PDB file of N, CA and C in Angstrom:
ATOM      1  N   UNK A   1      -2.202  19.161  -4.154  1.00  0.00           N
ATOM      2  CA  UNK A   1      -3.644  19.301  -4.040  1.00  0.00           C
ATOM      3  C   UNK A   1      -4.315  17.960  -4.312  1.00  0.00           C
ATOM      4  N   UNK A   2      -5.312  17.669  -3.537  1.00  0.00           N
ATOM      5  CA  UNK A   2      -6.075  16.432  -3.652  1.00  0.00           C
ATOM      6  C   UNK A   2      -7.286  16.685  -4.542  1.00  0.00           C
ATOM      7  N   UNK A   3      -7.400  15.953  -5.643  1.00  0.00           N
ATOM      8  CA  UNK A   3      -8.507  16.091  -6.593  1.00  0.00           C
ATOM      9  C   UNK A   3      -8.686  17.527  -7.075  1.00  0.00           C
ATOM     10  N   UNK A   4      -7.604  18.238  -7.229  1.00  0.00           N
ATOM     11  CA  UNK A   4      -7.604  19.624  -7.714  1.00  0.00           C
ATOM     12  C   UNK A   4      -8.354  20.582  -6.783  1.00  0.00           C
ATOM     13  N   UNK A   5      -8.457  20.220  -5.518  1.00  0.00           N
ATOM     14  CA  UNK A   5      -9.079  21.110  -4.531  1.00  0.00           C
ATOM     15  C   UNK A   5      -7.952  21.779  -3.762  1.00  0.00           C
ATOM     16  N   UNK A   6      -7.943  23.128  -3.724  1.00  0.00           N
ATOM     17  CA  UNK A   6      -6.883  23.826  -2.995  1.00  0.00           C
ATOM     18  C   UNK A   6      -6.827  23.376  -1.532  1.00  0.00           C
ATOM     19  N   UNK A   7      -5.616  23.325  -1.000  1.00  0.00           N
ATOM     20  CA  UNK A   7      -5.408  22.823   0.363  1.00  0.00           C
ATOM     21  C   UNK A   7      -6.209  23.622   1.396  1.00  0.00           C
ATOM     22  N   UNK A   8      -6.289  24.930   1.243  1.00  0.00           N
ATOM     23  CA  UNK A   8      -7.001  25.729   2.246  1.00  0.00           C
ATOM     24  C   UNK A   8      -8.504  25.412   2.275  1.00  0.00           C
ATOM     25  N   UNK A   9      -9.034  24.798   1.207  1.00  0.00           N
ATOM     26  CA  UNK A   9     -10.434  24.385   1.210  1.00  0.00           C
ATOM     27  C   UNK A   9     -10.613  22.952   1.710  1.00  0.00           C
ATOM     28  N   UNK A  10      -9.575  22.134   1.564  1.00  0.00           N
ATOM     29  CA  UNK A  10      -9.671  20.738   1.966  1.00  0.00           C
ATOM     30  C   UNK A  10      -9.960  20.572   3.453  1.00  0.00           C
ATOM     31  N   UNK A  11      -9.413  21.439   4.270  1.00  0.00           N
ATOM     32  CA  UNK A  11      -9.600  21.305   5.719  1.00  0.00           C
ATOM     33  C   UNK A  11     -11.055  21.501   6.127  1.00  0.00           C
ATOM     34  N   UNK A  12     -11.853  22.178   5.281  1.00  0.00           N
ATOM     35  CA  UNK A  12     -13.254  22.435   5.603  1.00  0.00           C
ATOM     36  C   UNK A  12     -14.199  21.379   5.031  1.00  0.00           C
ATOM     37  N   UNK A  13     -13.660  20.404   4.316  1.00  0.00           N
ATOM     38  CA  UNK A  13     -14.511  19.381   3.708  1.00  0.00           C
ATOM     39  C   UNK A  13     -14.799  18.285   4.728  1.00  0.00           C
ATOM     40  N   UNK A  14     -16.012  18.252   5.227  1.00  0.00           N
ATOM     41  CA  UNK A  14     -16.377  17.249   6.221  1.00  0.00           C
ATOM     42  C   UNK A  14     -17.742  16.637   5.937  1.00  0.00           C
ATOM     43  N   UNK A  15     -18.232  16.771   4.719  1.00  0.00           N
ATOM     44  CA  UNK A  15     -19.533  16.223   4.349  1.00  0.00           C
ATOM     45  C   UNK A  15     -19.451  14.711   4.195  1.00  0.00           C
ATOM     46  N   UNK A  16     -20.585  14.064   4.339  1.00  0.00           N
ATOM     47  CA  UNK A  16     -20.699  12.623   4.137  1.00  0.00           C
ATOM     48  C   UNK A  16     -21.443  12.375   2.834  1.00  0.00           C
ATOM     49  N   UNK A  17     -21.392  11.162   2.357  1.00  0.00           N
ATOM     50  CA  UNK A  17     -22.058  10.804   1.104  1.00  0.00           C
ATOM     51  C   UNK A  17     -23.544  11.111   1.185  1.00  0.00           C
ATOM     52  N   UNK A  18     -24.161  10.811   2.321  1.00  0.00           N
ATOM     53  CA  UNK A  18     -25.602  11.023   2.450  1.00  0.00           C
ATOM     54  C   UNK A  18     -25.995  12.496   2.323  1.00  0.00           C
ATOM     55  N   UNK A  19     -25.049  13.410   2.500  1.00  0.00           N
ATOM     56  CA  UNK A  19     -25.337  14.829   2.329  1.00  0.00           C
ATOM     57  C   UNK A  19     -25.554  15.197   0.860  1.00  0.00           C
ATOM     58  N   UNK A  20     -25.145  14.321  -0.058  1.00  0.00           N
ATOM     59  CA  UNK A  20     -25.277  14.593  -1.486  1.00  0.00           C
ATOM     60  C   UNK A  20     -26.393  13.780  -2.140  1.00  0.00           C
ATOM     61  N   UNK A  21     -27.228  13.134  -1.341  1.00  0.00           N
ATOM     62  CA  UNK A  21     -28.342  12.349  -1.866  1.00  0.00           C
ATOM     63  C   UNK A  21     -29.644  13.008  -1.430  1.00  0.00           C
ATOM     64  N   UNK A  22     -30.519  13.250  -2.409  1.00  0.00           N
ATOM     65  CA  UNK A  22     -31.816  13.857  -2.130  1.00  0.00           C
ATOM     66  C   UNK A  22     -32.858  13.103  -2.950  1.00  0.00           C
ATOM     67  N   UNK A  23     -33.884  12.546  -2.286  1.00  0.00           N
ATOM     68  CA  UNK A  23     -34.926  11.746  -2.943  1.00  0.00           C
ATOM     69  C   UNK A  23     -34.322  10.603  -3.761  1.00  0.00           C
ATOM     70  N   UNK A  24     -33.386   9.893  -3.156  1.00  0.00           N
ATOM     71  CA  UNK A  24     -32.729   8.735  -3.783  1.00  0.00           C
ATOM     72  C   UNK A  24     -31.983   9.072  -5.066  1.00  0.00           C
ATOM     73  N   UNK A  25     -31.567  10.303  -5.223  1.00  0.00           N
ATOM     74  CA  UNK A  25     -30.789  10.719  -6.405  1.00  0.00           C
ATOM     75  C   UNK A  25     -29.641  11.604  -5.939  1.00  0.00           C
ATOM     76  N   UNK A  26     -28.585  11.660  -6.750  1.00  0.00           N
ATOM     77  CA  UNK A  26     -27.444  12.520  -6.438  1.00  0.00           C
ATOM     78  C   UNK A  26     -27.852  13.984  -6.538  1.00  0.00           C
ATOM     79  N   UNK A  27     -27.363  14.788  -5.635  1.00  0.00           N
ATOM     80  CA  UNK A  27     -27.552  16.237  -5.663  1.00  0.00           C
ATOM     81  C   UNK A  27     -26.163  16.863  -5.636  1.00  0.00           C
ATOM     82  N   UNK A  28     -25.654  17.201  -6.818  1.00  0.00           N
ATOM     83  CA  UNK A  28     -24.286  17.707  -6.925  1.00  0.00           C
ATOM     84  C   UNK A  28     -24.213  19.204  -7.186  1.00  0.00           C
ATOM     85  N   UNK A  29     -25.204  19.941  -6.774  1.00  0.00           N
ATOM     86  CA  UNK A  29     -25.181  21.377  -7.036  1.00  0.00           C
ATOM     87  C   UNK A  29     -23.957  22.052  -6.403  1.00  0.00           C
ATOM     88  N   UNK A  30     -23.495  21.534  -5.280  1.00  0.00           N
ATOM     89  CA  UNK A  30     -22.305  22.108  -4.635  1.00  0.00           C
ATOM     90  C   UNK A  30     -21.025  21.801  -5.402  1.00  0.00           C
ATOM     91  N   UNK A  31     -21.059  20.776  -6.257  1.00  0.00           N
ATOM     92  CA  UNK A  31     -19.855  20.380  -6.975  1.00  0.00           C
ATOM     93  C   UNK A  31     -19.729  21.027  -8.358  1.00  0.00           C
ATOM     94  N   UNK A  32     -20.581  21.964  -8.673  1.00  0.00           N
ATOM     95  CA  UNK A  32     -20.504  22.608  -9.992  1.00  0.00           C
ATOM     96  C   UNK A  32     -19.166  23.312 -10.210  1.00  0.00           C
ATOM     97  N   UNK A  33     -18.556  23.757  -9.129  1.00  0.00           N
ATOM     98  CA  UNK A  33     -17.247  24.419  -9.257  1.00  0.00           C
ATOM     99  C   UNK A  33     -16.123  23.421  -9.486  1.00  0.00           C
ATOM    100  N   UNK A  34     -16.398  22.121  -9.264  1.00  0.00           N
ATOM    101  CA  UNK A  34     -15.381  21.081  -9.421  1.00  0.00           C
ATOM    102  C   UNK A  34     -15.900  20.007 -10.382  1.00  0.00           C
ATOM    103  N   UNK A  35     -15.897  20.285 -11.683  1.00  0.00           N
ATOM    104  CA  UNK A  35     -16.484  19.352 -12.650  1.00  0.00           C
ATOM    105  C   UNK A  35     -15.799  17.985 -12.675  1.00  0.00           C
ATOM    106  N   UNK A  36     -14.494  17.949 -12.383  1.00  0.00           N
ATOM    107  CA  UNK A  36     -13.784  16.669 -12.386  1.00  0.00           C
ATOM    108  C   UNK A  36     -14.328  15.754 -11.286  1.00  0.00           C
ATOM    109  N   UNK A  37     -14.515  16.291 -10.098  1.00  0.00           N
ATOM    110  CA  UNK A  37     -15.043  15.507  -8.982  1.00  0.00           C
ATOM    111  C   UNK A  37     -16.494  15.125  -9.262  1.00  0.00           C
ATOM    112  N   UNK A  38     -17.243  16.035  -9.828  1.00  0.00           N
ATOM    113  CA  UNK A  38     -18.638  15.765 -10.138  1.00  0.00           C
ATOM    114  C   UNK A  38     -18.761  14.606 -11.124  1.00  0.00           C
ATOM    115  N   UNK A  39     -17.919  14.592 -12.154  1.00  0.00           N
ATOM    116  CA  UNK A  39     -18.001  13.513 -13.143  1.00  0.00           C
ATOM    117  C   UNK A  39     -17.585  12.170 -12.534  1.00  0.00           C
ATOM    118  N   UNK A  40     -16.619  12.177 -11.603  1.00  0.00           N
ATOM    119  CA  UNK A  40     -16.249  10.934 -10.914  1.00  0.00           C
ATOM    120  C   UNK A  40     -17.401  10.420 -10.051  1.00  0.00           C
ATOM    121  N   UNK A  41     -18.028  11.310  -9.327  1.00  0.00           N
ATOM    122  CA  UNK A  41     -19.104  10.919  -8.409  1.00  0.00           C
ATOM    123  C   UNK A  41     -20.343  10.446  -9.156  1.00  0.00           C
ATOM    124  N   UNK A  42     -20.608  10.974 -10.330  1.00  0.00           N
ATOM    125  CA  UNK A  42     -21.795  10.568 -11.089  1.00  0.00           C
ATOM    126  C   UNK A  42     -21.720   9.117 -11.543  1.00  0.00           C
ATOM    127  N   UNK A  43     -20.537   8.528 -11.553  1.00  0.00           N
ATOM    128  CA  UNK A  43     -20.377   7.132 -11.949  1.00  0.00           C
ATOM    129  C   UNK A  43     -20.583   6.162 -10.782  1.00  0.00           C
ATOM    130  N   UNK A  44     -20.857   6.682  -9.607  1.00  0.00           N
ATOM    131  CA  UNK A  44     -21.065   5.846  -8.424  1.00  0.00           C
ATOM    132  C   UNK A  44     -22.553   5.560  -8.275  1.00  0.00           C
ATOM    133  N   UNK A  45     -22.896   4.291  -8.150  1.00  0.00           N
ATOM    134  CA  UNK A  45     -24.289   3.883  -7.989  1.00  0.00           C
ATOM    135  C   UNK A  45     -24.709   4.035  -6.533  1.00  0.00           C
ATOM    136  N   UNK A  46     -25.876   4.586  -6.332  1.00  0.00           N
ATOM    137  CA  UNK A  46     -26.401   4.757  -4.977  1.00  0.00           C
ATOM    138  C   UNK A  46     -26.974   3.423  -4.509  1.00  0.00           C
ATOM    139  N   UNK A  47     -26.539   2.908  -3.370  1.00  0.00           N
ATOM    140  CA  UNK A  47     -27.094   1.632  -2.877  1.00  0.00           C
ATOM    141  C   UNK A  47     -28.524   1.840  -2.357  1.00  0.00           C
ATOM    142  N   UNK A  48     -29.327   0.785  -2.427  1.00  0.00           N
ATOM    143  CA  UNK A  48     -30.712   0.871  -1.968  1.00  0.00           C
ATOM    144  C   UNK A  48     -30.833   0.798  -0.455  1.00  0.00           C
ATOM    145  N   UNK A  49     -29.945   0.043   0.193  1.00  0.00           N
ATOM    146  CA  UNK A  49     -30.007  -0.064   1.647  1.00  0.00           C
ATOM    147  C   UNK A  49     -29.065   0.960   2.266  1.00  0.00           C
ATOM    148  N   UNK A  50     -29.483   1.519   3.383  1.00  0.00           N
ATOM    149  CA  UNK A  50     -28.645   2.487   4.087  1.00  0.00           C
ATOM    150  C   UNK A  50     -27.538   1.755   4.817  1.00  0.00           C
ATOM    151  N   UNK A  51     -26.350   2.266   4.712  1.00  0.00           N
ATOM    152  CA  UNK A  51     -25.226   1.709   5.449  1.00  0.00           C
ATOM    153  C   UNK A  51     -24.248   2.829   5.755  1.00  0.00           C
ATOM    154  N   UNK A  52     -23.447   2.582   6.757  1.00  0.00           N
ATOM    155  CA  UNK A  52     -22.477   3.588   7.183  1.00  0.00           C
ATOM    156  C   UNK A  52     -21.323   3.670   6.179  1.00  0.00           C
ATOM    157  N   UNK A  53     -20.830   4.867   5.928  1.00  0.00           N
ATOM    158  CA  UNK A  53     -19.676   5.046   5.046  1.00  0.00           C
ATOM    159  C   UNK A  53     -18.461   4.376   5.659  1.00  0.00           C
ATOM    160  N   UNK A  54     -17.650   3.746   4.811  1.00  0.00           N
ATOM    161  CA  UNK A  54     -16.411   3.164   5.298  1.00  0.00           C
ATOM    162  C   UNK A  54     -15.415   3.092   4.160  1.00  0.00           C
ATOM    163  N   UNK A  55     -14.153   3.091   4.522  1.00  0.00           N
ATOM    164  CA  UNK A  55     -13.081   2.958   3.543  1.00  0.00           C
ATOM    165  C   UNK A  55     -12.809   1.482   3.315  1.00  0.00           C
ATOM    166  N   UNK A  56     -12.559   1.148   2.051  1.00  0.00           N
ATOM    167  CA  UNK A  56     -12.288  -0.241   1.710  1.00  0.00           C
ATOM    168  C   UNK A  56     -10.989  -0.305   0.937  1.00  0.00           C
ATOM    169  N   UNK A  57     -10.098  -1.199   1.353  1.00  0.00           N
ATOM    170  CA  UNK A  57      -8.831  -1.424   0.664  1.00  0.00           C
ATOM    171  C   UNK A  57      -9.081  -2.461  -0.424  1.00  0.00           C
ATOM    172  N   UNK A  58      -9.020  -2.036  -1.682  1.00  0.00           N
ATOM    173  CA  UNK A  58      -9.364  -2.908  -2.801  1.00  0.00           C
ATOM    174  C   UNK A  58      -8.462  -4.127  -2.916  1.00  0.00           C
ATOM    175  N   UNK A  59      -7.219  -4.004  -2.507  1.00  0.00           N
ATOM    176  CA  UNK A  59      -6.255  -5.090  -2.704  1.00  0.00           C
ATOM    177  C   UNK A  59      -6.328  -6.193  -1.653  1.00  0.00           C
ATOM    178  N   UNK A  60      -7.262  -6.087  -0.705  1.00  0.00           N
ATOM    179  CA  UNK A  60      -7.356  -7.133   0.318  1.00  0.00           C
ATOM    180  C   UNK A  60      -8.611  -7.970   0.090  1.00  0.00           C
ATOM    181  N   UNK A  61      -8.632  -9.134   0.699  1.00  0.00           N
ATOM    182  CA  UNK A  61      -9.773 -10.027   0.560  1.00  0.00           C
ATOM    183  C   UNK A  61     -11.000  -9.539   1.323  1.00  0.00           C
ATOM    184  N   UNK A  62     -10.772  -8.927   2.495  1.00  0.00           N
ATOM    185  CA  UNK A  62     -11.891  -8.532   3.339  1.00  0.00           C
ATOM    186  C   UNK A  62     -12.163  -7.027   3.345  1.00  0.00           C
ATOM    187  N   UNK A  63     -11.373  -6.236   2.617  1.00  0.00           N
ATOM    188  CA  UNK A  63     -11.588  -4.795   2.561  1.00  0.00           C
ATOM    189  C   UNK A  63     -10.837  -4.006   3.616  1.00  0.00           C
ATOM    190  N   UNK A  64     -10.215  -4.687   4.571  1.00  0.00           N
ATOM    191  CA  UNK A  64      -9.464  -4.004   5.623  1.00  0.00           C
ATOM    192  C   UNK A  64      -8.000  -3.847   5.214  1.00  0.00           C
ATOM    193  N   UNK A  65      -7.398  -2.769   5.633  1.00  0.00           N
ATOM    194  CA  UNK A  65      -5.991  -2.504   5.353  1.00  0.00           C
ATOM    195  C   UNK A  65      -5.154  -3.033   6.516  1.00  0.00           C
ATOM    196  N   UNK A  66      -4.253  -3.976   6.221  1.00  0.00           N
ATOM    197  CA  UNK A  66      -3.378  -4.525   7.253  1.00  0.00           C
ATOM    198  C   UNK A  66      -1.939  -4.128   6.948  1.00  0.00           C
ATOM    199  N   UNK A  67      -1.066  -4.297   7.925  1.00  0.00           N
ATOM    200  CA  UNK A  67       0.346  -3.987   7.718  1.00  0.00           C
ATOM    201  C   UNK A  67       0.919  -4.857   6.606  1.00  0.00           C
ATOM    202  N   UNK A  68       0.468  -6.105   6.542  1.00  0.00           N
ATOM    203  CA  UNK A  68       0.932  -7.017   5.498  1.00  0.00           C
ATOM    204  C   UNK A  68       0.553  -6.480   4.113  1.00  0.00           C
ATOM    205  N   UNK A  69      -0.678  -5.963   3.965  1.00  0.00           N
ATOM    206  CA  UNK A  69      -1.096  -5.377   2.690  1.00  0.00           C
ATOM    207  C   UNK A  69      -0.208  -4.200   2.307  1.00  0.00           C
ATOM    208  N   UNK A  70       0.094  -3.359   3.277  1.00  0.00           N
ATOM    209  CA  UNK A  70       0.940  -2.188   3.020  1.00  0.00           C
ATOM    210  C   UNK A  70       2.337  -2.623   2.589  1.00  0.00           C
ATOM    211  N   UNK A  71       2.893  -3.590   3.300  1.00  0.00           N
ATOM    212  CA  UNK A  71       4.238  -4.075   2.980  1.00  0.00           C
ATOM    213  C   UNK A  71       4.270  -4.666   1.570  1.00  0.00           C
ATOM    214  N   UNK A  72       3.286  -5.510   1.235  1.00  0.00           N
ATOM    215  CA  UNK A  72       3.255  -6.112  -0.096  1.00  0.00           C
ATOM    216  C   UNK A  72       3.023  -5.069  -1.178  1.00  0.00           C
ATOM    217  N   UNK A  73       2.221  -4.051  -0.888  1.00  0.00           N
ATOM    218  CA  UNK A  73       1.980  -2.970  -1.845  1.00  0.00           C
ATOM    219  C   UNK A  73       3.246  -2.170  -2.090  1.00  0.00           C
ATOM    220  N   UNK A  74       3.977  -1.897  -1.014  1.00  0.00           N
ATOM    221  CA  UNK A  74       5.188  -1.073  -1.111  1.00  0.00           C
ATOM    222  C   UNK A  74       6.368  -1.848  -1.690  1.00  0.00           C
ATOM    223  N   UNK A  75       6.595  -3.055  -1.221  1.00  0.00           N
ATOM    224  CA  UNK A  75       7.793  -3.794  -1.588  1.00  0.00           C
ATOM    225  C   UNK A  75       7.539  -4.992  -2.496  1.00  0.00           C
ATOM    226  N   UNK A  76       6.300  -5.367  -2.697  1.00  0.00           N
ATOM    227  CA  UNK A  76       6.000  -6.532  -3.517  1.00  0.00           C
ATOM    228  C   UNK A  76       6.224  -7.816  -2.735  1.00  0.00           C
ATOM    229  N   UNK A  77       5.771  -8.893  -3.314  1.00  0.00           N
ATOM    230  CA  UNK A  77       5.931 -10.196  -2.667  1.00  0.00           C
ATOM    231  C   UNK A  77       7.359 -10.670  -2.905  1.00  0.00           C
ATOM    232  N   UNK A  78       8.022 -11.100  -1.848  1.00  0.00           N
ATOM    233  CA  UNK A  78       9.413 -11.515  -1.946  1.00  0.00           C
ATOM    234  C   UNK A  78       9.585 -12.836  -2.667  1.00  0.00           C
ATOM    235  N   UNK A  79      10.824 -13.170  -2.900  1.00  0.00           N
ATOM    236  CA  UNK A  79      11.139 -14.431  -3.563  1.00  0.00           C
ATOM    237  C   UNK A  79      11.015 -15.574  -2.573  1.00  0.00           C
ATOM    238  N   UNK A  80      10.588 -16.715  -3.057  1.00  0.00           N
ATOM    239  CA  UNK A  80      10.515 -17.918  -2.240  1.00  0.00           C
ATOM    240  C   UNK A  80      11.636 -18.841  -2.690  1.00  0.00           C
ATOM    241  N   UNK A  81      12.783 -18.774  -1.993  1.00  0.00           N
ATOM    242  CA  UNK A  81      13.960 -19.547  -2.360  1.00  0.00           C
ATOM    243  C   UNK A  81      14.104 -20.698  -1.371  1.00  0.00           C
ATOM    244  N   UNK A  82      14.108 -21.917  -1.885  1.00  0.00           N
ATOM    245  CA  UNK A  82      14.116 -23.104  -1.029  1.00  0.00           C
ATOM    246  C   UNK A  82      15.365 -23.199  -0.149  1.00  0.00           C
ATOM    247  N   UNK A  83      16.543 -22.894  -0.707  1.00  0.00           N
ATOM    248  CA  UNK A  83      17.773 -23.089   0.054  1.00  0.00           C
ATOM    249  C   UNK A  83      17.855 -22.183   1.277  1.00  0.00           C
ATOM    250  N   UNK A  84      17.090 -21.091   1.312  1.00  0.00           N
ATOM    251  CA  UNK A  84      17.138 -20.181   2.455  1.00  0.00           C
ATOM    252  C   UNK A  84      16.679 -20.894   3.722  1.00  0.00           C
ATOM    253  N   UNK A  85      15.597 -21.673   3.617  1.00  0.00           N
ATOM    254  CA  UNK A  85      15.112 -22.411   4.795  1.00  0.00           C
ATOM    255  C   UNK A  85      16.099 -23.477   5.229  1.00  0.00           C
ATOM    256  N   UNK A  86      16.821 -24.053   4.261  1.00  0.00           N
ATOM    257  CA  UNK A  86      17.822 -25.058   4.612  1.00  0.00           C
ATOM    258  C   UNK A  86      19.040 -24.422   5.284  1.00  0.00           C
ATOM    259  N   UNK A  87      19.405 -23.227   4.847  1.00  0.00           N
ATOM    260  CA  UNK A  87      20.577 -22.550   5.390  1.00  0.00           C
ATOM    261  C   UNK A  87      20.297 -21.959   6.772  1.00  0.00           C
ATOM    262  N   UNK A  88      19.175 -21.272   6.924  1.00  0.00           N
ATOM    263  CA  UNK A  88      18.841 -20.614   8.182  1.00  0.00           C
ATOM    264  C   UNK A  88      17.844 -21.479   8.960  1.00  0.00           C
ATOM    265  N   UNK A  89      18.310 -22.528   9.545  1.00  0.00           N
ATOM    266  CA  UNK A  89      17.460 -23.422  10.329  1.00  0.00           C
ATOM    267  C   UNK A  89      18.042 -23.567  11.735  1.00  0.00           C
ATOM    268  N   UNK A  90      17.288 -24.182  12.610  1.00  0.00           N
ATOM    269  CA  UNK A  90      17.684 -24.255  14.025  1.00  0.00           C
ATOM    270  C   UNK A  90      18.864 -25.177  14.283  1.00  0.00           C
ATOM    271  N   UNK A  91      19.081 -26.173  13.431  1.00  0.00           N
ATOM    272  CA  UNK A  91      20.169 -27.128  13.696  1.00  0.00           C
ATOM    273  C   UNK A  91      21.510 -26.692  13.096  1.00  0.00           C
ATOM    274  N   UNK A  92      21.571 -25.576  12.399  1.00  0.00           N
ATOM    275  CA  UNK A  92      22.853 -25.033  11.915  1.00  0.00           C
ATOM    276  C   UNK A  92      23.134 -23.766  12.709  1.00  0.00           C
ATOM    277  N   UNK A  93      24.294 -23.660  13.337  1.00  0.00           N
ATOM    278  CA  UNK A  93      24.616 -22.451  14.108  1.00  0.00           C
ATOM    279  C   UNK A  93      24.584 -21.214  13.201  1.00  0.00           C
ATOM    280  N   UNK A  94      24.040 -20.109  13.695  1.00  0.00           N
ATOM    281  CA  UNK A  94      23.933 -18.896  12.892  1.00  0.00           C
ATOM    282  C   UNK A  94      25.273 -18.408  12.333  1.00  0.00           C
ATOM    283  N   UNK A  95      26.364 -18.625  13.069  1.00  0.00           N
ATOM    284  CA  UNK A  95      27.677 -18.191  12.575  1.00  0.00           C
ATOM    285  C   UNK A  95      28.046 -18.941  11.300  1.00  0.00           C
ATOM    286  N   UNK A  96      27.709 -20.216  11.249  1.00  0.00           N
ATOM    287  CA  UNK A  96      28.001 -21.019  10.051  1.00  0.00           C
ATOM    288  C   UNK A  96      27.093 -20.594   8.890  1.00  0.00           C
ATOM    289  N   UNK A  97      25.816 -20.375   9.189  1.00  0.00           N
ATOM    290  CA  UNK A  97      24.883 -19.928   8.149  1.00  0.00           C
ATOM    291  C   UNK A  97      25.330 -18.586   7.577  1.00  0.00           C
ATOM    292  N   UNK A  98      25.761 -17.699   8.464  1.00  0.00           N
ATOM    293  CA  UNK A  98      26.208 -16.382   8.021  1.00  0.00           C
ATOM    294  C   UNK A  98      27.449 -16.491   7.133  1.00  0.00           C
ATOM    295  N   UNK A  99      28.366 -17.383   7.474  1.00  0.00           N
ATOM    296  CA  UNK A  99      29.566 -17.575   6.665  1.00  0.00           C
ATOM    297  C   UNK A  99      29.209 -18.098   5.276  1.00  0.00           C
ATOM    298  N   UNK A 100      28.288 -19.050   5.194  1.00  0.00           N
ATOM    299  CA  UNK A 100      27.860 -19.580   3.896  1.00  0.00           C
ATOM    300  C   UNK A 100      27.172 -18.474   3.090  1.00  0.00           C
ATOM    301  N   UNK A 101      26.346 -17.685   3.762  1.00  0.00           N
ATOM    302  CA  UNK A 101      25.664 -16.569   3.079  1.00  0.00           C
ATOM    303  C   UNK A 101      26.680 -15.587   2.509  1.00  0.00           C
ATOM    304  N   UNK A 102      27.706 -15.262   3.287  1.00  0.00           N
ATOM    305  CA  UNK A 102      28.751 -14.337   2.822  1.00  0.00           C
ATOM    306  C   UNK A 102      29.508 -14.914   1.633  1.00  0.00           C
ATOM    307  N   UNK A 103      29.792 -16.203   1.657  1.00  0.00           N
ATOM    308  CA  UNK A 103      30.474 -16.841   0.523  1.00  0.00           C
ATOM    309  C   UNK A 103      29.598 -16.753  -0.727  1.00  0.00           C
ATOM    310  N   UNK A 104      28.305 -17.052  -0.585  1.00  0.00           N
ATOM    311  CA  UNK A 104      27.395 -17.041  -1.734  1.00  0.00           C
ATOM    312  C   UNK A 104      27.232 -15.644  -2.332  1.00  0.00           C
ATOM    313  N   UNK A 105      27.353 -14.605  -1.514  1.00  0.00           N
ATOM    314  CA  UNK A 105      27.185 -13.231  -1.988  1.00  0.00           C
ATOM    315  C   UNK A 105      28.520 -12.502  -2.200  1.00  0.00           C
ATOM    316  N   UNK A 106      29.595 -13.272  -2.199  1.00  0.00           N
ATOM    317  CA  UNK A 106      30.932 -12.717  -2.435  1.00  0.00           C
ATOM    318  C   UNK A 106      31.264 -11.586  -1.448  1.00  0.00           C
ATOM    319  N   UNK A 107      30.934 -11.797  -0.189  1.00  0.00           N
ATOM    320  CA  UNK A 107      31.180 -10.802   0.853  1.00  0.00           C
ATOM    321  C   UNK A 107      32.242 -11.252   1.851  1.00  0.00           C
ATOM    322  N   UNK A 108      32.980 -12.305   1.537  1.00  0.00           N
ATOM    323  CA  UNK A 108      34.045 -12.783   2.420  1.00  0.00           C
ATOM    324  C   UNK A 108      35.249 -11.851   2.255  1.00  0.00           C
ATOM    325  N   UNK A 109      35.828 -11.381   3.362  1.00  0.00           N
ATOM    326  CA  UNK A 109      36.944 -10.437   3.257  1.00  0.00           C
ATOM    327  C   UNK A 109      38.255 -11.099   2.809  1.00  0.00           C
ATOM    328  N   UNK A 110      38.276 -11.571   1.574  1.00  0.00           N
ATOM    329  CA  UNK A 110      39.517 -12.133   1.023  1.00  0.00           C
ATOM    330  C   UNK A 110      40.411 -10.979   0.594  1.00  0.00           C
ATOM    331  N   UNK A 111      41.687 -11.277   0.320  1.00  0.00           N
ATOM    332  CA  UNK A 111      42.608 -10.234  -0.123  1.00  0.00           C
ATOM    333  C   UNK A 111      42.072  -9.538  -1.376  1.00  0.00           C
ATOM    334  N   UNK A 112      41.526 -10.313  -2.297  1.00  0.00           N
ATOM    335  CA  UNK A 112      41.011  -9.742  -3.553  1.00  0.00           C
ATOM    336  C   UNK A 112      39.821  -8.811  -3.302  1.00  0.00           C
ATOM    337  N   UNK A 113      38.884  -9.238  -2.455  1.00  0.00           N
ATOM    338  CA  UNK A 113      37.721  -8.394  -2.151  1.00  0.00           C
ATOM    339  C   UNK A 113      38.130  -7.126  -1.408  1.00  0.00           C
ATOM    340  N   UNK A 114      39.049  -7.257  -0.450  1.00  0.00           N
ATOM    341  CA  UNK A 114      39.508  -6.081   0.291  1.00  0.00           C
ATOM    342  C   UNK A 114      40.237  -5.110  -0.641  1.00  0.00           C
ATOM    343  N   UNK A 115      41.048  -5.631  -1.556  1.00  0.00           N
ATOM    344  CA  UNK A 115      41.791  -4.771  -2.481  1.00  0.00           C
ATOM    345  C   UNK A 115      40.825  -4.049  -3.428  1.00  0.00           C
ATOM    346  N   UNK A 116      39.756  -4.753  -3.897  1.00  0.00           N
ATOM    347  CA  UNK A 116      38.785  -4.125  -4.801  1.00  0.00           C
ATOM    348  C   UNK A 116      37.993  -3.025  -4.106  1.00  0.00           C
ATOM    349  N   UNK A 117      37.927  -3.076  -2.790  1.00  0.00           N
ATOM    350  CA  UNK A 117      37.214  -2.042  -2.022  1.00  0.00           C
ATOM    351  C   UNK A 117      38.142  -0.953  -1.524  1.00  0.00           C
ATOM    352  N   UNK A 118      39.418  -1.026  -1.884  1.00  0.00           N
ATOM    353  CA  UNK A 118      40.353   0.051  -1.519  1.00  0.00           C
ATOM    354  C   UNK A 118      41.064  -0.155  -0.209  1.00  0.00           C
ATOM    355  N   UNK A 119      41.029  -1.342   0.357  1.00  0.00           N
ATOM    356  CA  UNK A 119      41.754  -1.590   1.620  1.00  0.00           C
ATOM    357  C   UNK A 119      43.115  -2.146   1.344  1.00  0.00           C
TER     358      UNK A 119
END
């Protein structure tokens, strides 16, 4: 349930913010059945100028949600390791870079590694 509102009621919620403003003040008579939502909404300041409702992504600079924002939110910012750019560059063949990467991560199929994996 979203904000403690039963799912069967959520589908009927289509009001806009301006529907809850009367004479430049909040009108929350409809929210008396949902005191938690009412208390959250009472902390929101009514702007003086009229503007269209829009969603804003707090974690971005411009308020828009981008794929990059989602990726960073989900997975965090990755490590910046200098040797990676040196290893994976255009003048080193990918097969050689891959071999060095496997050596660094102990993924080379040596007899010892194969035996430890049950081969």
